[in-house]
């Protein structure tokens, strides 16, 4: 048989993972911060117009407050677990 390849892009994955367990954030713009909350490593679609990828947290605090954007410390254990779940579904 001919091998079949596919590409799956989980949009704004880290931000989406945060929303999985917090349905109250479904309509709230969010950003995920790097280790030690240094800079932005993920943004929900509704946060993208206001916050640039890689922006240092100390420079965007006022922007987050002004637009009601919630920030989260990165949770790589959660992202790895949900990534594995996605891969299991794709492989089935």
PDB file of N, CA and C in Angstrom:
ATOM      1  N   UNK A   1       0.826  -1.211   0.000  1.00  0.00           N
ATOM      2  CA  UNK A   1       0.000   0.000   0.000  1.00  0.00           C
ATOM      3  C   UNK A   1       0.861   1.263   0.000  1.00  0.00           C
ATOM      4  N   UNK A   2       0.327   2.281  -0.601  1.00  0.00           N
ATOM      5  CA  UNK A   2       1.000   3.577  -0.650  1.00  0.00           C
ATOM      6  C   UNK A   2       0.814   4.295   0.680  1.00  0.00           C
ATOM      7  N   UNK A   3       1.908   4.795   1.262  1.00  0.00           N
ATOM      8  CA  UNK A   3       1.756   5.523   2.529  1.00  0.00           C
ATOM      9  C   UNK A   3       0.958   6.812   2.330  1.00  0.00           C
ATOM     10  N   UNK A   4       0.204   7.150   3.332  1.00  0.00           N
ATOM     11  CA  UNK A   4      -0.590   8.376   3.309  1.00  0.00           C
ATOM     12  C   UNK A   4      -0.076   9.288   4.414  1.00  0.00           C
ATOM     13  N   UNK A   5       0.129  10.537   4.072  1.00  0.00           N
ATOM     14  CA  UNK A   5       0.605  11.517   5.040  1.00  0.00           C
ATOM     15  C   UNK A   5      -0.429  12.614   5.187  1.00  0.00           C
ATOM     16  N   UNK A   6      -0.505  13.163   6.360  1.00  0.00           N
ATOM     17  CA  UNK A   6      -1.426  14.263   6.606  1.00  0.00           C
ATOM     18  C   UNK A   6      -0.789  15.274   7.541  1.00  0.00           C
ATOM     19  N   UNK A   7      -1.340  16.447   7.525  1.00  0.00           N
ATOM     20  CA  UNK A   7      -0.871  17.511   8.410  1.00  0.00           C
ATOM     21  C   UNK A   7      -2.058  17.996   9.232  1.00  0.00           C
ATOM     22  N   UNK A   8      -1.897  17.989  10.520  1.00  0.00           N
ATOM     23  CA  UNK A   8      -2.942  18.484  11.413  1.00  0.00           C
ATOM     24  C   UNK A   8      -2.369  19.673  12.164  1.00  0.00           C
ATOM     25  N   UNK A   9      -3.039  20.800  12.046  1.00  0.00           N
ATOM     26  CA  UNK A   9      -2.612  22.011  12.750  1.00  0.00           C
ATOM     27  C   UNK A   9      -3.667  22.345  13.793  1.00  0.00           C
ATOM     28  N   UNK A  10      -3.316  22.200  15.035  1.00  0.00           N
ATOM     29  CA  UNK A  10      -4.229  22.563  16.125  1.00  0.00           C
ATOM     30  C   UNK A  10      -3.993  24.040  16.425  1.00  0.00           C
ATOM     31  N   UNK A  11      -4.884  24.862  15.962  1.00  0.00           N
ATOM     32  CA  UNK A  11      -4.723  26.317  16.041  1.00  0.00           C
ATOM     33  C   UNK A  11      -4.590  26.814  17.472  1.00  0.00           C
ATOM     34  N   UNK A  12      -3.600  27.684  17.665  1.00  0.00           N
ATOM     35  CA  UNK A  12      -3.365  28.292  18.983  1.00  0.00           C
ATOM     36  C   UNK A  12      -3.419  27.224  20.073  1.00  0.00           C
ATOM     37  N   UNK A  13      -2.653  26.165  19.884  1.00  0.00           N
ATOM     38  CA  UNK A  13      -2.811  24.949  20.687  1.00  0.00           C
ATOM     39  C   UNK A  13      -2.711  25.185  22.190  1.00  0.00           C
ATOM     40  N   UNK A  14      -1.686  25.878  22.642  1.00  0.00           N
ATOM     41  CA  UNK A  14      -1.535  26.070  24.091  1.00  0.00           C
ATOM     42  C   UNK A  14      -2.719  26.854  24.657  1.00  0.00           C
ATOM     43  N   UNK A  15      -3.142  27.883  23.942  1.00  0.00           N
ATOM     44  CA  UNK A  15      -4.293  28.668  24.399  1.00  0.00           C
ATOM     45  C   UNK A  15      -5.556  27.807  24.390  1.00  0.00           C
ATOM     46  N   UNK A  16      -5.708  26.990  23.358  1.00  0.00           N
ATOM     47  CA  UNK A  16      -6.868  26.102  23.283  1.00  0.00           C
ATOM     48  C   UNK A  16      -6.868  25.092  24.422  1.00  0.00           C
ATOM     49  N   UNK A  17      -5.685  24.592  24.784  1.00  0.00           N
ATOM     50  CA  UNK A  17      -5.588  23.640  25.903  1.00  0.00           C
ATOM     51  C   UNK A  17      -6.068  24.276  27.202  1.00  0.00           C
ATOM     52  N   UNK A  18      -5.714  25.521  27.420  1.00  0.00           N
ATOM     53  CA  UNK A  18      -6.155  26.206  28.643  1.00  0.00           C
ATOM     54  C   UNK A  18      -7.676  26.281  28.696  1.00  0.00           C
ATOM     55  N   UNK A  19      -8.300  26.440  27.541  1.00  0.00           N
ATOM     56  CA  UNK A  19      -9.759  26.566  27.490  1.00  0.00           C
ATOM     57  C   UNK A  19     -10.484  25.236  27.669  1.00  0.00           C
ATOM     58  N   UNK A  20      -9.812  24.123  27.410  1.00  0.00           N
ATOM     59  CA  UNK A  20     -10.460  22.814  27.541  1.00  0.00           C
ATOM     60  C   UNK A  20     -11.038  22.630  28.940  1.00  0.00           C
ATOM     61  N   UNK A  21     -10.276  23.010  29.946  1.00  0.00           N
ATOM     62  CA  UNK A  21     -10.711  22.820  31.326  1.00  0.00           C
ATOM     63  C   UNK A  21     -11.303  24.079  31.941  1.00  0.00           C
ATOM     64  N   UNK A  22     -11.398  25.121  31.145  1.00  0.00           N
ATOM     65  CA  UNK A  22     -11.986  26.387  31.617  1.00  0.00           C
ATOM     66  C   UNK A  22     -12.976  26.900  30.573  1.00  0.00           C
ATOM     67  N   UNK A  23     -14.134  26.261  30.448  1.00  0.00           N
ATOM     68  CA  UNK A  23     -15.103  26.690  29.440  1.00  0.00           C
ATOM     69  C   UNK A  23     -15.556  28.138  29.618  1.00  0.00           C
ATOM     70  N   UNK A  24     -15.381  28.688  30.815  1.00  0.00           N
ATOM     71  CA  UNK A  24     -15.742  30.086  31.041  1.00  0.00           C
ATOM     72  C   UNK A  24     -14.839  31.032  30.245  1.00  0.00           C
ATOM     73  N   UNK A  25     -13.736  30.516  29.714  1.00  0.00           N
ATOM     74  CA  UNK A  25     -12.813  31.342  28.926  1.00  0.00           C
ATOM     75  C   UNK A  25     -13.097  31.285  27.426  1.00  0.00           C
ATOM     76  N   UNK A  26     -14.168  30.616  27.032  1.00  0.00           N
ATOM     77  CA  UNK A  26     -14.451  30.418  25.606  1.00  0.00           C
ATOM     78  C   UNK A  26     -14.488  31.726  24.824  1.00  0.00           C
ATOM     79  N   UNK A  27     -14.981  32.778  25.417  1.00  0.00           N
ATOM     80  CA  UNK A  27     -15.095  34.060  24.714  1.00  0.00           C
ATOM     81  C   UNK A  27     -14.178  35.128  25.304  1.00  0.00           C
ATOM     82  N   UNK A  28     -13.192  34.689  26.067  1.00  0.00           N
ATOM     83  CA  UNK A  28     -12.242  35.608  26.698  1.00  0.00           C
ATOM     84  C   UNK A  28     -10.905  35.483  25.977  1.00  0.00           C
ATOM     85  N   UNK A  29     -10.319  36.600  25.526  1.00  0.00           N
ATOM     86  CA  UNK A  29      -8.995  36.507  24.909  1.00  0.00           C
ATOM     87  C   UNK A  29      -7.957  36.086  25.941  1.00  0.00           C
ATOM     88  N   UNK A  30      -7.053  35.175  25.535  1.00  0.00           N
ATOM     89  CA  UNK A  30      -6.036  34.699  26.470  1.00  0.00           C
ATOM     90  C   UNK A  30      -4.668  34.619  25.806  1.00  0.00           C
ATOM     91  N   UNK A  31      -3.640  34.730  26.637  1.00  0.00           N
ATOM     92  CA  UNK A  31      -2.266  34.494  26.207  1.00  0.00           C
ATOM     93  C   UNK A  31      -1.631  33.514  27.184  1.00  0.00           C
ATOM     94  N   UNK A  32      -0.664  32.763  26.683  1.00  0.00           N
ATOM     95  CA  UNK A  32       0.115  31.846  27.513  1.00  0.00           C
ATOM     96  C   UNK A  32       1.538  32.373  27.536  1.00  0.00           C
ATOM     97  N   UNK A  33       2.122  32.364  28.720  1.00  0.00           N
ATOM     98  CA  UNK A  33       3.458  32.924  28.917  1.00  0.00           C
ATOM     99  C   UNK A  33       4.505  31.822  29.029  1.00  0.00           C
ATOM    100  N   UNK A  34       5.734  32.161  28.687  1.00  0.00           N
ATOM    101  CA  UNK A  34       6.854  31.220  28.739  1.00  0.00           C
ATOM    102  C   UNK A  34       7.202  30.864  30.178  1.00  0.00           C
ATOM    103  N   UNK A  35       8.204  30.002  30.322  1.00  0.00           N
ATOM    104  CA  UNK A  35       8.712  29.679  31.662  1.00  0.00           C
ATOM    105  C   UNK A  35       9.025  30.967  32.411  1.00  0.00           C
ATOM    106  N   UNK A  36       8.695  30.996  33.669  1.00  0.00           N
ATOM    107  CA  UNK A  36       8.895  32.186  34.513  1.00  0.00           C
ATOM    108  C   UNK A  36       8.123  33.405  34.017  1.00  0.00           C
ATOM    109  N   UNK A  37       7.114  33.172  33.202  1.00  0.00           N
ATOM    110  CA  UNK A  37       6.231  34.242  32.703  1.00  0.00           C
ATOM    111  C   UNK A  37       6.995  35.368  32.018  1.00  0.00           C
ATOM    112  N   UNK A  38       8.025  35.019  31.267  1.00  0.00           N
ATOM    113  CA  UNK A  38       8.856  36.032  30.620  1.00  0.00           C
ATOM    114  C   UNK A  38       8.228  36.689  29.410  1.00  0.00           C
ATOM    115  N   UNK A  39       7.654  35.877  28.503  1.00  0.00           N
ATOM    116  CA  UNK A  39       7.105  36.447  27.274  1.00  0.00           C
ATOM    117  C   UNK A  39       5.958  35.579  26.764  1.00  0.00           C
ATOM    118  N   UNK A  40       5.227  36.120  25.800  1.00  0.00           N
ATOM    119  CA  UNK A  40       4.060  35.447  25.232  1.00  0.00           C
ATOM    120  C   UNK A  40       4.514  34.344  24.273  1.00  0.00           C
ATOM    121  N   UNK A  41       4.016  33.118  24.500  1.00  0.00           N
ATOM    122  CA  UNK A  41       4.344  32.016  23.599  1.00  0.00           C
ATOM    123  C   UNK A  41       3.116  31.476  22.872  1.00  0.00           C
ATOM    124  N   UNK A  42       1.923  31.925  23.246  1.00  0.00           N
ATOM    125  CA  UNK A  42       0.700  31.515  22.556  1.00  0.00           C
ATOM    126  C   UNK A  42      -0.372  32.564  22.800  1.00  0.00           C
ATOM    127  N   UNK A  43      -1.223  32.738  21.777  1.00  0.00           N
ATOM    128  CA  UNK A  43      -2.314  33.709  21.873  1.00  0.00           C
ATOM    129  C   UNK A  43      -3.564  33.102  21.266  1.00  0.00           C
ATOM    130  N   UNK A  44      -4.700  33.344  21.883  1.00  0.00           N
ATOM    131  CA  UNK A  44      -5.956  32.956  21.249  1.00  0.00           C
ATOM    132  C   UNK A  44      -6.197  33.925  20.092  1.00  0.00           C
ATOM    133  N   UNK A  45      -7.047  33.513  19.151  1.00  0.00           N
ATOM    134  CA  UNK A  45      -7.300  34.379  17.997  1.00  0.00           C
ATOM    135  C   UNK A  45      -7.761  35.768  18.407  1.00  0.00           C
ATOM    136  N   UNK A  46      -8.599  35.835  19.441  1.00  0.00           N
ATOM    137  CA  UNK A  46      -9.127  37.134  19.844  1.00  0.00           C
ATOM    138  C   UNK A  46      -8.112  37.991  20.594  1.00  0.00           C
ATOM    139  N   UNK A  47      -6.975  37.437  20.974  1.00  0.00           N
ATOM    140  CA  UNK A  47      -5.907  38.227  21.610  1.00  0.00           C
ATOM    141  C   UNK A  47      -4.867  38.699  20.596  1.00  0.00           C
ATOM    142  N   UNK A  48      -4.800  38.042  19.438  1.00  0.00           N
ATOM    143  CA  UNK A  48      -3.755  38.335  18.451  1.00  0.00           C
ATOM    144  C   UNK A  48      -3.723  39.782  17.957  1.00  0.00           C
ATOM    145  N   UNK A  49      -4.857  40.457  17.803  1.00  0.00           N
ATOM    146  CA  UNK A  49      -4.767  41.855  17.346  1.00  0.00           C
ATOM    147  C   UNK A  49      -4.090  42.791  18.351  1.00  0.00           C
ATOM    148  N   UNK A  50      -4.007  42.385  19.602  1.00  0.00           N
ATOM    149  CA  UNK A  50      -3.516  43.273  20.653  1.00  0.00           C
ATOM    150  C   UNK A  50      -2.127  42.911  21.188  1.00  0.00           C
ATOM    151  N   UNK A  51      -1.728  41.655  21.015  1.00  0.00           N
ATOM    152  CA  UNK A  51      -0.486  41.174  21.625  1.00  0.00           C
ATOM    153  C   UNK A  51       0.351  40.449  20.572  1.00  0.00           C
ATOM    154  N   UNK A  52       1.610  40.838  20.458  1.00  0.00           N
ATOM    155  CA  UNK A  52       2.510  40.178  19.512  1.00  0.00           C
ATOM    156  C   UNK A  52       3.135  38.942  20.143  1.00  0.00           C
ATOM    157  N   UNK A  53       3.384  37.943  19.309  1.00  0.00           N
ATOM    158  CA  UNK A  53       4.079  36.739  19.764  1.00  0.00           C
ATOM    159  C   UNK A  53       5.470  37.128  20.252  1.00  0.00           C
ATOM    160  N   UNK A  54       5.843  36.606  21.396  1.00  0.00           N
ATOM    161  CA  UNK A  54       7.157  36.886  21.955  1.00  0.00           C
ATOM    162  C   UNK A  54       7.242  38.167  22.757  1.00  0.00           C
ATOM    163  N   UNK A  55       6.141  38.900  22.849  1.00  0.00           N
ATOM    164  CA  UNK A  55       6.158  40.162  23.598  1.00  0.00           C
ATOM    165  C   UNK A  55       6.489  39.897  25.065  1.00  0.00           C
ATOM    166  N   UNK A  56       7.412  40.660  25.639  1.00  0.00           N
ATOM    167  CA  UNK A  56       7.727  40.497  27.064  1.00  0.00           C
ATOM    168  C   UNK A  56       6.515  40.866  27.923  1.00  0.00           C
ATOM    169  N   UNK A  57       6.255  40.046  28.921  1.00  0.00           N
ATOM    170  CA  UNK A  57       5.086  40.254  29.772  1.00  0.00           C
ATOM    171  C   UNK A  57       5.084  41.630  30.423  1.00  0.00           C
ATOM    172  N   UNK A  58       6.234  42.078  30.906  1.00  0.00           N
ATOM    173  CA  UNK A  58       6.268  43.363  31.610  1.00  0.00           C
ATOM    174  C   UNK A  58       5.876  44.522  30.692  1.00  0.00           C
ATOM    175  N   UNK A  59       6.014  44.344  29.377  1.00  0.00           N
ATOM    176  CA  UNK A  59       5.661  45.410  28.441  1.00  0.00           C
ATOM    177  C   UNK A  59       4.187  45.405  28.048  1.00  0.00           C
ATOM    178  N   UNK A  60       3.484  44.313  28.290  1.00  0.00           N
ATOM    179  CA  UNK A  60       2.097  44.218  27.818  1.00  0.00           C
ATOM    180  C   UNK A  60       1.064  44.171  28.940  1.00  0.00           C
ATOM    181  N   UNK A  61       1.496  44.302  30.180  1.00  0.00           N
ATOM    182  CA  UNK A  61       0.551  44.228  31.305  1.00  0.00           C
ATOM    183  C   UNK A  61      -0.615  45.193  31.134  1.00  0.00           C
ATOM    184  N   UNK A  62      -0.324  46.422  30.731  1.00  0.00           N
ATOM    185  CA  UNK A  62      -1.391  47.414  30.565  1.00  0.00           C
ATOM    186  C   UNK A  62      -2.332  47.035  29.426  1.00  0.00           C
ATOM    187  N   UNK A  63      -1.794  46.497  28.348  1.00  0.00           N
ATOM    188  CA  UNK A  63      -2.616  46.065  27.210  1.00  0.00           C
ATOM    189  C   UNK A  63      -3.548  44.936  27.643  1.00  0.00           C
ATOM    190  N   UNK A  64      -3.027  44.004  28.401  1.00  0.00           N
ATOM    191  CA  UNK A  64      -3.857  42.894  28.877  1.00  0.00           C
ATOM    192  C   UNK A  64      -5.018  43.409  29.720  1.00  0.00           C
ATOM    193  N   UNK A  65      -4.722  44.332  30.606  1.00  0.00           N
ATOM    194  CA  UNK A  65      -5.769  44.921  31.457  1.00  0.00           C
ATOM    195  C   UNK A  65      -6.796  45.690  30.619  1.00  0.00           C
ATOM    196  N   UNK A  66      -6.299  46.495  29.700  1.00  0.00           N
ATOM    197  CA  UNK A  66      -7.175  47.348  28.891  1.00  0.00           C
ATOM    198  C   UNK A  66      -8.182  46.531  28.083  1.00  0.00           C
ATOM    199  N   UNK A  67      -7.745  45.397  27.525  1.00  0.00           N
ATOM    200  CA  UNK A  67      -8.614  44.609  26.653  1.00  0.00           C
ATOM    201  C   UNK A  67      -9.187  43.363  27.327  1.00  0.00           C
ATOM    202  N   UNK A  68      -8.981  43.228  28.622  1.00  0.00           N
ATOM    203  CA  UNK A  68      -9.544  42.089  29.348  1.00  0.00           C
ATOM    204  C   UNK A  68      -8.944  40.755  28.938  1.00  0.00           C
ATOM    205  N   UNK A  69      -7.678  40.767  28.560  1.00  0.00           N
ATOM    206  CA  UNK A  69      -6.990  39.550  28.138  1.00  0.00           C
ATOM    207  C   UNK A  69      -6.428  38.850  29.373  1.00  0.00           C
ATOM    208  N   UNK A  70      -6.758  37.579  29.518  1.00  0.00           N
ATOM    209  CA  UNK A  70      -6.269  36.783  30.641  1.00  0.00           C
ATOM    210  C   UNK A  70      -4.921  36.162  30.276  1.00  0.00           C
ATOM    211  N   UNK A  71      -3.995  36.122  31.221  1.00  0.00           N
ATOM    212  CA  UNK A  71      -2.693  35.491  30.971  1.00  0.00           C
ATOM    213  C   UNK A  71      -2.547  34.250  31.845  1.00  0.00           C
ATOM    214  N   UNK A  72      -1.840  33.253  31.308  1.00  0.00           N
ATOM    215  CA  UNK A  72      -1.624  31.992  32.004  1.00  0.00           C
ATOM    216  C   UNK A  72      -0.159  31.614  31.931  1.00  0.00           C
ATOM    217  N   UNK A  73       0.364  31.105  33.025  1.00  0.00           N
ATOM    218  CA  UNK A  73       1.697  30.512  33.012  1.00  0.00           C
ATOM    219  C   UNK A  73       1.629  29.238  32.178  1.00  0.00           C
ATOM    220  N   UNK A  74       2.690  28.941  31.466  1.00  0.00           N
ATOM    221  CA  UNK A  74       2.700  27.738  30.634  1.00  0.00           C
ATOM    222  C   UNK A  74       2.577  26.488  31.503  1.00  0.00           C
ATOM    223  N   UNK A  75       1.906  25.495  30.943  1.00  0.00           N
ATOM    224  CA  UNK A  75       1.673  24.225  31.630  1.00  0.00           C
ATOM    225  C   UNK A  75       2.009  23.104  30.641  1.00  0.00           C
ATOM    226  N   UNK A  76       3.304  22.846  30.469  1.00  0.00           N
ATOM    227  CA  UNK A  76       3.740  21.919  29.436  1.00  0.00           C
ATOM    228  C   UNK A  76       3.301  20.485  29.698  1.00  0.00           C
ATOM    229  N   UNK A  77       3.068  20.121  30.951  1.00  0.00           N
ATOM    230  CA  UNK A  77       2.514  18.802  31.255  1.00  0.00           C
ATOM    231  C   UNK A  77       1.133  18.642  30.639  1.00  0.00           C
ATOM    232  N   UNK A  78       0.299  19.652  30.803  1.00  0.00           N
ATOM    233  CA  UNK A  78      -1.047  19.644  30.226  1.00  0.00           C
ATOM    234  C   UNK A  78      -0.981  19.592  28.709  1.00  0.00           C
ATOM    235  N   UNK A  79      -0.143  20.419  28.105  1.00  0.00           N
ATOM    236  CA  UNK A  79      -0.062  20.473  26.644  1.00  0.00           C
ATOM    237  C   UNK A  79       0.433  19.147  26.074  1.00  0.00           C
ATOM    238  N   UNK A  80       1.395  18.523  26.759  1.00  0.00           N
ATOM    239  CA  UNK A  80       1.891  17.220  26.315  1.00  0.00           C
ATOM    240  C   UNK A  80       0.820  16.152  26.400  1.00  0.00           C
ATOM    241  N   UNK A  81       0.051  16.159  27.485  1.00  0.00           N
ATOM    242  CA  UNK A  81      -1.023  15.186  27.658  1.00  0.00           C
ATOM    243  C   UNK A  81      -2.083  15.352  26.577  1.00  0.00           C
ATOM    244  N   UNK A  82      -2.516  16.577  26.342  1.00  0.00           N
ATOM    245  CA  UNK A  82      -3.550  16.795  25.331  1.00  0.00           C
ATOM    246  C   UNK A  82      -3.020  16.526  23.927  1.00  0.00           C
ATOM    247  N   UNK A  83      -1.758  16.809  23.681  1.00  0.00           N
ATOM    248  CA  UNK A  83      -1.150  16.486  22.393  1.00  0.00           C
ATOM    249  C   UNK A  83      -1.167  14.976  22.165  1.00  0.00           C
ATOM    250  N   UNK A  84      -0.837  14.220  23.196  1.00  0.00           N
ATOM    251  CA  UNK A  84      -0.859  12.757  23.077  1.00  0.00           C
ATOM    252  C   UNK A  84      -2.268  12.259  22.806  1.00  0.00           C
ATOM    253  N   UNK A  85      -3.255  12.858  23.433  1.00  0.00           N
ATOM    254  CA  UNK A  85      -4.649  12.467  23.185  1.00  0.00           C
ATOM    255  C   UNK A  85      -5.038  12.737  21.736  1.00  0.00           C
ATOM    256  N   UNK A  86      -4.633  13.888  21.215  1.00  0.00           N
ATOM    257  CA  UNK A  86      -4.916  14.217  19.813  1.00  0.00           C
ATOM    258  C   UNK A  86      -4.250  13.185  18.902  1.00  0.00           C
ATOM    259  N   UNK A  87      -2.994  12.855  19.178  1.00  0.00           N
ATOM    260  CA  UNK A  87      -2.271  11.882  18.351  1.00  0.00           C
ATOM    261  C   UNK A  87      -2.936  10.508  18.404  1.00  0.00           C
ATOM    262  N   UNK A  88      -3.425  10.105  19.562  1.00  0.00           N
ATOM    263  CA  UNK A  88      -4.109   8.816  19.692  1.00  0.00           C
ATOM    264  C   UNK A  88      -5.362   8.788  18.830  1.00  0.00           C
ATOM    265  N   UNK A  89      -6.100   9.877  18.831  1.00  0.00           N
ATOM    266  CA  UNK A  89      -7.309   9.957  18.003  1.00  0.00           C
ATOM    267  C   UNK A  89      -6.945   9.904  16.526  1.00  0.00           C
ATOM    268  N   UNK A  90      -5.917  10.627  16.131  1.00  0.00           N
ATOM    269  CA  UNK A  90      -5.502  10.645  14.728  1.00  0.00           C
ATOM    270  C   UNK A  90      -5.040   9.259  14.285  1.00  0.00           C
ATOM    271  N   UNK A  91      -4.317   8.567  15.147  1.00  0.00           N
ATOM    272  CA  UNK A  91      -3.789   7.244  14.806  1.00  0.00           C
ATOM    273  C   UNK A  91      -4.867   6.173  14.724  1.00  0.00           C
ATOM    274  N   UNK A  92      -6.026   6.413  15.336  1.00  0.00           N
ATOM    275  CA  UNK A  92      -7.073   5.378  15.345  1.00  0.00           C
ATOM    276  C   UNK A  92      -7.860   5.336  14.048  1.00  0.00           C
TER     277      UNK A  92
END
